[in-house]
N, C-alpha and C. Protein backbone atom coordinates (compact mmCIF):
# COMPACT_ATOMS: atom_id res chain seq x y z
N UNK A 1 95.13 280.30 212.29
CA UNK A 1 94.08 279.97 213.22
C UNK A 1 94.66 279.49 214.55
N UNK A 2 95.36 278.37 214.52
CA UNK A 2 95.90 277.82 215.76
C UNK A 2 97.42 277.90 215.81
N UNK A 3 98.01 278.74 214.96
CA UNK A 3 99.46 278.81 214.86
C UNK A 3 100.13 279.26 216.15
N UNK A 4 99.40 279.99 216.98
CA UNK A 4 99.96 280.53 218.22
C UNK A 4 100.10 279.47 219.31
N UNK A 5 99.57 278.28 219.11
CA UNK A 5 99.58 277.26 220.14
C UNK A 5 100.96 276.60 220.22
N UNK A 6 101.45 276.50 221.43
CA UNK A 6 102.75 275.89 221.69
C UNK A 6 102.54 274.60 222.46
N UNK A 7 103.48 273.71 222.34
CA UNK A 7 103.43 272.43 223.05
C UNK A 7 103.64 272.67 224.54
N UNK A 8 102.90 271.94 225.36
CA UNK A 8 103.00 272.10 226.81
C UNK A 8 103.81 270.99 227.48
N UNK A 9 104.27 270.01 226.71
CA UNK A 9 105.01 268.92 227.35
C UNK A 9 106.40 269.39 227.78
N UNK A 10 106.93 268.84 228.88
CA UNK A 10 108.22 269.30 229.41
C UNK A 10 109.39 269.12 228.44
N UNK A 11 109.33 268.09 227.60
CA UNK A 11 110.43 267.83 226.67
C UNK A 11 110.57 268.92 225.61
N UNK A 12 109.47 269.56 225.25
CA UNK A 12 109.49 270.57 224.18
C UNK A 12 109.85 271.96 224.69
N UNK A 13 109.73 272.19 225.98
CA UNK A 13 110.02 273.50 226.58
C UNK A 13 109.22 274.62 225.93
N UNK A 14 107.97 274.35 225.59
CA UNK A 14 107.10 275.38 225.05
C UNK A 14 107.29 275.71 223.58
N UNK A 15 108.17 274.98 222.90
CA UNK A 15 108.42 275.22 221.48
C UNK A 15 107.46 274.36 220.67
N UNK A 16 106.84 274.95 219.68
CA UNK A 16 105.92 274.20 218.83
C UNK A 16 106.69 273.14 218.05
N UNK A 17 106.18 271.91 218.02
CA UNK A 17 106.86 270.86 217.26
C UNK A 17 106.78 271.13 215.76
N UNK A 18 107.70 270.58 215.02
CA UNK A 18 107.70 270.73 213.57
C UNK A 18 106.51 269.97 212.99
N UNK A 19 105.84 270.55 212.00
CA UNK A 19 104.71 269.85 211.39
C UNK A 19 105.18 268.64 210.60
N UNK A 20 104.33 267.63 210.50
CA UNK A 20 104.69 266.47 209.69
C UNK A 20 104.93 266.85 208.24
N UNK A 21 105.92 266.25 207.64
CA UNK A 21 106.26 266.52 206.24
C UNK A 21 105.15 265.98 205.35
N UNK A 22 104.81 266.73 204.33
CA UNK A 22 103.83 266.28 203.35
C UNK A 22 102.41 266.76 203.60
N UNK A 23 102.19 267.48 204.70
CA UNK A 23 100.86 268.01 204.95
C UNK A 23 100.79 269.46 204.49
N UNK A 24 99.66 269.83 203.89
CA UNK A 24 99.45 271.21 203.48
C UNK A 24 99.24 272.07 204.73
N UNK A 25 99.25 273.38 204.56
CA UNK A 25 99.01 274.28 205.69
C UNK A 25 97.65 274.03 206.33
N UNK A 26 96.63 273.84 205.51
CA UNK A 26 95.29 273.58 206.03
C UNK A 26 95.26 272.26 206.78
N UNK A 27 95.93 271.24 206.24
CA UNK A 27 95.98 269.94 206.92
C UNK A 27 96.70 270.06 208.26
N UNK A 28 97.73 270.89 208.33
CA UNK A 28 98.44 271.10 209.59
C UNK A 28 97.52 271.77 210.62
N UNK A 29 96.74 272.75 210.18
CA UNK A 29 95.78 273.42 211.07
C UNK A 29 94.76 272.40 211.57
N UNK A 30 94.27 271.56 210.67
CA UNK A 30 93.29 270.55 211.03
C UNK A 30 93.88 269.56 212.03
N UNK A 31 95.11 269.16 211.83
CA UNK A 31 95.76 268.21 212.73
C UNK A 31 95.93 268.82 214.12
N UNK A 32 96.33 270.09 214.17
CA UNK A 32 96.46 270.77 215.47
C UNK A 32 95.10 270.81 216.18
N UNK A 33 94.06 271.15 215.44
CA UNK A 33 92.72 271.22 216.03
C UNK A 33 92.29 269.85 216.54
N UNK A 34 92.58 268.82 215.78
CA UNK A 34 92.25 267.46 216.18
C UNK A 34 92.96 267.10 217.48
N UNK A 35 94.23 267.41 217.56
CA UNK A 35 95.02 267.11 218.76
C UNK A 35 94.54 267.89 219.97
N UNK A 36 94.00 269.06 219.74
CA UNK A 36 93.50 269.89 220.85
C UNK A 36 92.07 269.55 221.24
N UNK A 37 91.45 268.65 220.49
CA UNK A 37 90.09 268.25 220.81
C UNK A 37 89.01 269.18 220.32
N UNK A 38 89.34 270.03 219.34
CA UNK A 38 88.33 270.94 218.78
C UNK A 38 87.30 270.08 218.04
N UNK A 39 86.02 270.27 218.31
CA UNK A 39 84.99 269.48 217.62
C UNK A 39 85.07 269.67 216.10
N UNK A 40 84.82 268.59 215.38
CA UNK A 40 84.88 268.63 213.91
C UNK A 40 83.99 269.73 213.34
N UNK A 41 82.79 269.83 213.86
CA UNK A 41 81.84 270.82 213.35
C UNK A 41 82.37 272.24 213.51
N UNK A 42 82.95 272.53 214.68
CA UNK A 42 83.48 273.87 214.94
C UNK A 42 84.64 274.19 214.01
N UNK A 43 85.54 273.25 213.81
CA UNK A 43 86.70 273.50 212.94
C UNK A 43 86.26 273.59 211.49
N UNK A 44 85.28 272.80 211.09
CA UNK A 44 84.76 272.88 209.72
C UNK A 44 84.18 274.27 209.46
N UNK A 45 83.44 274.78 210.42
CA UNK A 45 82.87 276.13 210.29
C UNK A 45 84.00 277.16 210.16
N UNK A 46 85.03 277.03 211.00
CA UNK A 46 86.17 277.96 210.92
C UNK A 46 86.84 277.93 209.56
N UNK A 47 86.89 276.74 208.96
CA UNK A 47 87.54 276.59 207.65
C UNK A 47 86.59 276.89 206.50
N UNK A 48 85.31 277.06 206.79
CA UNK A 48 84.34 277.38 205.75
C UNK A 48 83.96 276.20 204.88
N UNK A 49 84.00 274.99 205.46
CA UNK A 49 83.63 273.79 204.71
C UNK A 49 82.60 273.01 205.52
N UNK A 50 81.95 272.05 204.85
CA UNK A 50 80.96 271.24 205.56
C UNK A 50 81.68 270.25 206.48
N UNK A 51 80.94 269.76 207.46
CA UNK A 51 81.51 268.78 208.38
C UNK A 51 81.89 267.49 207.63
N UNK A 52 81.09 267.15 206.63
CA UNK A 52 81.37 265.96 205.83
C UNK A 52 82.69 266.12 205.07
N UNK A 53 82.90 267.30 204.47
CA UNK A 53 84.16 267.57 203.76
C UNK A 53 85.33 267.57 204.73
N UNK A 54 85.11 268.11 205.93
CA UNK A 54 86.15 268.13 206.95
C UNK A 54 86.59 266.71 207.31
N UNK A 55 85.63 265.84 207.52
CA UNK A 55 85.95 264.45 207.88
C UNK A 55 86.64 263.73 206.73
N UNK A 56 86.26 264.05 205.50
CA UNK A 56 86.93 263.46 204.35
C UNK A 56 88.40 263.89 204.31
N UNK A 57 88.63 265.18 204.60
CA UNK A 57 90.00 265.69 204.63
C UNK A 57 90.80 265.04 205.76
N UNK A 58 90.15 264.76 206.90
CA UNK A 58 90.83 264.06 207.98
C UNK A 58 91.28 262.68 207.53
N UNK A 59 90.46 262.02 206.72
CA UNK A 59 90.84 260.70 206.19
C UNK A 59 92.11 260.80 205.35
N UNK A 60 92.23 261.87 204.59
CA UNK A 60 93.42 262.09 203.77
C UNK A 60 94.64 262.29 204.68
N UNK A 61 94.46 263.06 205.75
CA UNK A 61 95.55 263.29 206.70
C UNK A 61 95.99 261.97 207.32
N UNK A 62 95.04 261.17 207.76
CA UNK A 62 95.35 259.87 208.36
C UNK A 62 96.14 258.99 207.39
N UNK A 63 95.72 259.02 206.14
CA UNK A 63 96.40 258.21 205.12
C UNK A 63 97.84 258.70 204.92
N UNK A 64 98.03 260.00 204.87
CA UNK A 64 99.37 260.57 204.70
C UNK A 64 100.27 260.22 205.88
N UNK A 65 99.67 260.16 207.09
CA UNK A 65 100.44 259.85 208.29
C UNK A 65 100.58 258.36 208.53
N UNK A 66 99.87 257.57 207.76
CA UNK A 66 99.96 256.11 207.89
C UNK A 66 99.21 255.58 209.10
N UNK A 67 98.13 256.25 209.48
CA UNK A 67 97.32 255.77 210.61
C UNK A 67 95.93 255.39 210.17
C-alpha cells in the first residue's frame, strides 16, 4: 500500500527508514499511514477492517513501541 513512500528528511537522503523490529507487515503499513496523516477511517477501509478495529490495532502498535 504505502511501501513506495520514501523519507524526505535530509539525513535519510530519500532512503526509506528500517521498520521497527517486532511489528507485523500490516502494523508497519499502519504506522506509515499514521505518520503520513492518513485518516483512520480511510486506512481502515483500505485494510478492509472497521475503524474501531483499526484503532484497537493502533493501541497494540503503541504498546509494542512503548508509547
